[in-house]
Amino acid sequence: MTYVVQDNCIACKYTDCVEVCPVDCFYEGENMLVIHPDECIDCGVCEPECPADAIRADTEPGTETWVEFNRKYAELWPVIVERKEPLPEAEERDGEDGKLEKYFSEAAAE
């Protein structure tokens, strides 16, 4: 089992989860985070820390495609180990439908 970040992180990018991760398996894109599924130790401490409720165990229904999505971008983006401020539109975009199609950026964080 591993944990994955899903589309509700897009356009929010809260980083509360990064602070509690004991193995530094979060990677940062321009407007979201992902978890490297091969580095995650399945401890689950990140899941309740996410204000956007975007982190799920890969055993939950509908997470299959998110495992590969997280793997792909974790291998392209830089690791993030410290909490940062969320994106300015985070509160406004939290819970919005269709965020992957509307806002996702493949760009790495700068």
N, C-alpha and C. Protein backbone atom coordinates (compact mmCIF):
# COMPACT_ATOMS: atom_id res chain seq x y z
N MET A 1 0.84 -1.19 0.00
CA MET A 1 0.00 0.00 0.00
C MET A 1 0.89 1.25 0.00
N THR A 2 0.36 2.30 -0.58
CA THR A 2 1.02 3.60 -0.57
C THR A 2 -0.07 4.66 -0.49
N TYR A 3 0.33 5.87 -0.29
CA TYR A 3 -0.60 6.99 -0.31
C TYR A 3 -0.34 7.79 -1.58
N VAL A 4 -1.38 8.42 -2.09
CA VAL A 4 -1.27 9.23 -3.31
C VAL A 4 -1.98 10.56 -3.11
N VAL A 5 -1.50 11.54 -3.85
CA VAL A 5 -2.15 12.85 -3.87
C VAL A 5 -3.06 12.86 -5.08
N GLN A 6 -4.29 13.31 -4.87
CA GLN A 6 -5.26 13.37 -5.97
C GLN A 6 -5.52 14.82 -6.38
N ASP A 7 -6.45 14.99 -7.30
CA ASP A 7 -6.65 16.28 -7.95
C ASP A 7 -7.09 17.43 -7.06
N ASN A 8 -7.59 17.19 -5.87
CA ASN A 8 -7.99 18.34 -5.06
C ASN A 8 -6.79 19.15 -4.58
N CYS A 9 -5.59 18.61 -4.69
CA CYS A 9 -4.39 19.38 -4.36
C CYS A 9 -4.10 20.45 -5.42
N ILE A 10 -4.52 20.19 -6.64
CA ILE A 10 -4.25 21.11 -7.75
C ILE A 10 -4.85 22.48 -7.46
N ALA A 11 -4.06 23.51 -7.67
CA ALA A 11 -4.44 24.91 -7.46
C ALA A 11 -4.62 25.27 -5.99
N CYS A 12 -4.25 24.36 -5.10
CA CYS A 12 -4.25 24.66 -3.65
C CYS A 12 -2.81 24.56 -3.14
N LYS A 13 -2.23 23.36 -3.27
CA LYS A 13 -0.86 23.05 -2.88
C LYS A 13 -0.57 23.42 -1.42
N TYR A 14 -1.42 22.90 -0.53
CA TYR A 14 -1.11 23.00 0.89
C TYR A 14 0.08 22.09 1.15
N THR A 15 0.96 22.46 2.04
CA THR A 15 2.15 21.65 2.29
C THR A 15 2.24 21.18 3.74
N ASP A 16 1.14 21.17 4.45
CA ASP A 16 1.11 20.68 5.83
C ASP A 16 1.60 19.23 5.89
N CYS A 17 1.28 18.45 4.86
CA CYS A 17 1.65 17.04 4.78
C CYS A 17 3.16 16.85 4.75
N VAL A 18 3.86 17.76 4.12
CA VAL A 18 5.30 17.67 3.95
C VAL A 18 6.01 17.70 5.31
N GLU A 19 5.51 18.52 6.20
CA GLU A 19 6.14 18.67 7.53
C GLU A 19 6.13 17.39 8.34
N VAL A 20 5.11 16.57 8.17
CA VAL A 20 4.99 15.37 9.00
C VAL A 20 5.55 14.11 8.36
N CYS A 21 5.90 14.17 7.10
CA CYS A 21 6.40 12.98 6.38
C CYS A 21 7.79 12.59 6.91
N PRO A 22 7.91 11.37 7.44
CA PRO A 22 9.21 10.97 7.99
C PRO A 22 10.25 10.54 6.95
N VAL A 23 9.84 10.38 5.69
CA VAL A 23 10.78 9.91 4.67
C VAL A 23 10.94 10.86 3.49
N ASP A 24 10.38 12.04 3.56
CA ASP A 24 10.55 13.04 2.50
C ASP A 24 10.21 12.51 1.11
N CYS A 25 8.99 11.96 0.98
CA CYS A 25 8.59 11.37 -0.31
C CYS A 25 7.64 12.27 -1.10
N PHE A 26 7.52 13.55 -0.72
CA PHE A 26 6.68 14.49 -1.46
C PHE A 26 7.52 15.24 -2.47
N TYR A 27 6.92 15.48 -3.64
CA TYR A 27 7.58 16.20 -4.72
C TYR A 27 6.68 17.33 -5.16
N GLU A 28 7.30 18.44 -5.57
CA GLU A 28 6.55 19.68 -5.79
C GLU A 28 6.50 20.11 -7.24
N GLY A 29 5.27 20.22 -7.73
CA GLY A 29 5.05 20.79 -9.03
C GLY A 29 4.66 22.26 -8.88
N GLU A 30 4.44 22.91 -9.98
CA GLU A 30 4.07 24.32 -9.96
C GLU A 30 2.81 24.57 -9.14
N ASN A 31 1.81 23.66 -9.26
CA ASN A 31 0.56 23.94 -8.54
C ASN A 31 -0.02 22.73 -7.81
N MET A 32 0.82 21.73 -7.52
CA MET A 32 0.37 20.61 -6.68
C MET A 32 1.57 19.83 -6.17
N LEU A 33 1.32 18.90 -5.27
CA LEU A 33 2.33 17.98 -4.77
C LEU A 33 1.97 16.57 -5.20
N VAL A 34 2.94 15.68 -5.21
CA VAL A 34 2.71 14.25 -5.41
C VAL A 34 3.57 13.48 -4.42
N ILE A 35 3.24 12.21 -4.23
CA ILE A 35 3.99 11.31 -3.37
C ILE A 35 4.63 10.25 -4.25
N HIS A 36 5.92 10.00 -4.03
CA HIS A 36 6.57 8.91 -4.78
C HIS A 36 6.12 7.60 -4.15
N PRO A 37 5.37 6.77 -4.88
CA PRO A 37 4.82 5.54 -4.29
C PRO A 37 5.87 4.52 -3.87
N ASP A 38 7.07 4.58 -4.44
CA ASP A 38 8.11 3.64 -4.05
C ASP A 38 8.86 4.10 -2.80
N GLU A 39 8.71 5.35 -2.44
CA GLU A 39 9.39 5.89 -1.26
C GLU A 39 8.47 5.98 -0.05
N CYS A 40 7.18 6.04 -0.28
CA CYS A 40 6.19 6.13 0.80
C CYS A 40 6.27 4.86 1.65
N ILE A 41 6.30 5.03 2.97
CA ILE A 41 6.37 3.88 3.87
C ILE A 41 4.99 3.53 4.45
N ASP A 42 3.95 4.12 3.90
CA ASP A 42 2.58 3.78 4.26
C ASP A 42 2.23 4.08 5.71
N CYS A 43 2.87 5.09 6.28
CA CYS A 43 2.60 5.39 7.69
C CYS A 43 1.27 6.12 7.88
N GLY A 44 0.84 6.86 6.85
CA GLY A 44 -0.46 7.52 6.89
C GLY A 44 -0.52 8.82 7.66
N VAL A 45 0.60 9.31 8.18
CA VAL A 45 0.54 10.55 8.97
C VAL A 45 0.20 11.77 8.12
N CYS A 46 0.44 11.70 6.83
CA CYS A 46 0.16 12.84 5.95
C CYS A 46 -1.33 13.03 5.68
N GLU A 47 -2.05 11.94 5.61
CA GLU A 47 -3.46 11.99 5.18
C GLU A 47 -4.31 12.95 6.01
N PRO A 48 -4.30 12.87 7.34
CA PRO A 48 -5.14 13.79 8.12
C PRO A 48 -4.62 15.23 8.14
N GLU A 49 -3.39 15.45 7.71
CA GLU A 49 -2.81 16.79 7.73
C GLU A 49 -3.23 17.64 6.53
N CYS A 50 -3.77 17.03 5.50
CA CYS A 50 -4.10 17.75 4.27
C CYS A 50 -5.41 18.52 4.42
N PRO A 51 -5.36 19.85 4.42
CA PRO A 51 -6.58 20.65 4.55
C PRO A 51 -7.54 20.47 3.38
N ALA A 52 -7.02 20.06 2.21
CA ALA A 52 -7.85 19.88 1.02
C ALA A 52 -8.38 18.46 0.88
N ASP A 53 -8.03 17.59 1.82
CA ASP A 53 -8.46 16.19 1.78
C ASP A 53 -8.10 15.54 0.45
N ALA A 54 -6.86 15.78 0.00
CA ALA A 54 -6.42 15.30 -1.31
C ALA A 54 -5.55 14.05 -1.25
N ILE A 55 -5.24 13.55 -0.06
CA ILE A 55 -4.38 12.38 0.07
C ILE A 55 -5.22 11.16 0.42
N ARG A 56 -4.99 10.08 -0.33
CA ARG A 56 -5.75 8.84 -0.15
C ARG A 56 -4.82 7.64 -0.17
N ALA A 57 -5.24 6.58 0.51
CA ALA A 57 -4.54 5.30 0.42
C ALA A 57 -4.85 4.71 -0.94
N ASP A 58 -3.88 4.03 -1.54
CA ASP A 58 -4.10 3.47 -2.88
C ASP A 58 -5.06 2.28 -2.88
N THR A 59 -5.52 1.88 -1.73
CA THR A 59 -6.50 0.79 -1.64
C THR A 59 -7.93 1.30 -1.78
N GLU A 60 -8.11 2.62 -1.79
CA GLU A 60 -9.45 3.19 -1.94
C GLU A 60 -9.86 3.16 -3.41
N PRO A 61 -11.16 3.00 -3.66
CA PRO A 61 -11.64 2.97 -5.05
C PRO A 61 -11.28 4.26 -5.80
N GLY A 62 -10.90 4.11 -7.05
CA GLY A 62 -10.61 5.26 -7.89
C GLY A 62 -9.19 5.79 -7.79
N THR A 63 -8.34 5.13 -7.03
CA THR A 63 -6.97 5.64 -6.87
C THR A 63 -5.96 5.01 -7.82
N GLU A 64 -6.37 4.02 -8.58
CA GLU A 64 -5.44 3.28 -9.43
C GLU A 64 -4.63 4.20 -10.36
N THR A 65 -5.30 5.08 -11.06
CA THR A 65 -4.60 5.96 -12.00
C THR A 65 -3.74 6.99 -11.28
N TRP A 66 -4.10 7.31 -10.05
CA TRP A 66 -3.33 8.30 -9.30
C TRP A 66 -1.97 7.77 -8.85
N VAL A 67 -1.84 6.46 -8.69
CA VAL A 67 -0.55 5.89 -8.31
C VAL A 67 0.46 6.17 -9.42
N GLU A 68 0.10 5.89 -10.65
CA GLU A 68 1.01 6.13 -11.77
C GLU A 68 1.23 7.62 -12.02
N PHE A 69 0.18 8.41 -11.83
CA PHE A 69 0.30 9.86 -11.96
C PHE A 69 1.33 10.38 -10.96
N ASN A 70 1.20 9.97 -9.68
CA ASN A 70 2.14 10.40 -8.64
C ASN A 70 3.55 9.94 -8.97
N ARG A 71 3.70 8.69 -9.42
CA ARG A 71 5.03 8.16 -9.76
C ARG A 71 5.66 9.00 -10.87
N LYS A 72 4.91 9.26 -11.93
CA LYS A 72 5.43 10.00 -13.07
C LYS A 72 5.98 11.36 -12.66
N TYR A 73 5.19 12.11 -11.91
CA TYR A 73 5.63 13.47 -11.58
C TYR A 73 6.64 13.50 -10.44
N ALA A 74 6.63 12.51 -9.57
CA ALA A 74 7.66 12.44 -8.52
C ALA A 74 9.04 12.23 -9.13
N GLU A 75 9.08 11.59 -10.28
CA GLU A 75 10.35 11.37 -10.95
C GLU A 75 10.80 12.58 -11.77
N LEU A 76 9.92 13.56 -11.94
CA LEU A 76 10.25 14.76 -12.71
C LEU A 76 10.44 16.01 -11.85
N TRP A 77 9.76 16.06 -10.72
CA TRP A 77 9.74 17.26 -9.89
C TRP A 77 10.72 17.15 -8.72
N PRO A 78 11.11 18.30 -8.14
CA PRO A 78 12.03 18.28 -7.00
C PRO A 78 11.32 17.87 -5.70
N VAL A 79 12.10 17.26 -4.81
CA VAL A 79 11.56 16.90 -3.50
C VAL A 79 11.27 18.18 -2.71
N ILE A 80 10.27 18.12 -1.87
CA ILE A 80 9.94 19.24 -0.99
C ILE A 80 9.97 18.71 0.44
N VAL A 81 10.69 19.40 1.32
CA VAL A 81 10.84 18.91 2.69
C VAL A 81 10.41 19.93 3.74
N GLU A 82 10.06 21.13 3.32
CA GLU A 82 9.63 22.16 4.27
C GLU A 82 8.29 22.74 3.84
N ARG A 83 7.51 23.08 4.84
CA ARG A 83 6.19 23.68 4.60
C ARG A 83 6.35 25.05 3.94
N LYS A 84 5.45 25.34 3.01
CA LYS A 84 5.39 26.63 2.33
C LYS A 84 3.96 27.14 2.42
N GLU A 85 3.76 28.37 2.08
CA GLU A 85 2.41 28.92 2.03
C GLU A 85 1.65 28.28 0.87
N PRO A 86 0.34 28.03 1.05
CA PRO A 86 -0.44 27.49 -0.08
C PRO A 86 -0.55 28.53 -1.19
N LEU A 87 -1.04 28.10 -2.33
CA LEU A 87 -1.25 29.03 -3.43
C LEU A 87 -2.30 30.06 -3.05
N PRO A 88 -2.21 31.26 -3.60
CA PRO A 88 -3.14 32.34 -3.22
C PRO A 88 -4.62 31.98 -3.42
N GLU A 89 -4.92 31.15 -4.41
CA GLU A 89 -6.31 30.79 -4.69
C GLU A 89 -6.76 29.51 -3.97
N ALA A 90 -5.97 29.01 -3.03
CA ALA A 90 -6.23 27.72 -2.39
C ALA A 90 -7.63 27.62 -1.79
N GLU A 91 -8.02 28.57 -0.97
CA GLU A 91 -9.34 28.48 -0.34
C GLU A 91 -10.46 28.50 -1.38
N GLU A 92 -10.31 29.33 -2.37
CA GLU A 92 -11.32 29.46 -3.43
C GLU A 92 -11.44 28.19 -4.28
N ARG A 93 -10.32 27.52 -4.55
CA ARG A 93 -10.30 26.33 -5.42
C ARG A 93 -10.53 25.02 -4.67
N ASP A 94 -10.41 25.01 -3.36
CA ASP A 94 -10.55 23.78 -2.57
C ASP A 94 -11.94 23.17 -2.79
N GLY A 95 -11.94 21.92 -3.25
CA GLY A 95 -13.19 21.21 -3.47
C GLY A 95 -13.82 21.41 -4.84
N GLU A 96 -13.23 22.22 -5.66
CA GLU A 96 -13.77 22.49 -7.00
C GLU A 96 -13.65 21.24 -7.87
N ASP A 97 -14.63 20.98 -8.67
CA ASP A 97 -14.61 19.84 -9.59
C ASP A 97 -13.80 20.16 -10.84
N GLY A 98 -13.22 19.13 -11.45
CA GLY A 98 -12.54 19.27 -12.74
C GLY A 98 -11.21 19.98 -12.68
N LYS A 99 -10.54 19.97 -11.55
CA LYS A 99 -9.29 20.71 -11.41
C LYS A 99 -8.16 20.16 -12.28
N LEU A 100 -8.14 18.87 -12.52
CA LEU A 100 -7.08 18.29 -13.36
C LEU A 100 -7.15 18.88 -14.76
N GLU A 101 -8.33 18.92 -15.33
CA GLU A 101 -8.51 19.46 -16.68
C GLU A 101 -8.36 20.98 -16.73
N LYS A 102 -8.80 21.66 -15.70
CA LYS A 102 -8.79 23.14 -15.71
C LYS A 102 -7.44 23.74 -15.37
N TYR A 103 -6.73 23.19 -14.38
CA TYR A 103 -5.59 23.90 -13.80
C TYR A 103 -4.25 23.18 -13.77
N PHE A 104 -4.22 21.87 -13.96
CA PHE A 104 -2.98 21.14 -13.75
C PHE A 104 -1.86 21.64 -14.64
N SER A 105 -0.69 21.80 -14.05
CA SER A 105 0.52 22.18 -14.77
C SER A 105 1.56 21.08 -14.58
N GLU A 106 2.19 20.66 -15.68
CA GLU A 106 3.25 19.66 -15.60
C GLU A 106 4.57 20.25 -15.15
N ALA A 107 4.64 21.57 -15.04
CA ALA A 107 5.88 22.25 -14.68
C ALA A 107 6.28 21.94 -13.24
N ALA A 108 7.57 21.84 -13.04
CA ALA A 108 8.10 21.66 -11.69
C ALA A 108 8.05 22.99 -10.94
N ALA A 109 8.08 22.91 -9.63
CA ALA A 109 8.14 24.13 -8.81
C ALA A 109 9.46 24.84 -9.06
N GLU A 110 9.43 26.13 -8.90
CA GLU A 110 10.68 26.90 -9.07
C GLU A 110 11.26 27.25 -7.73
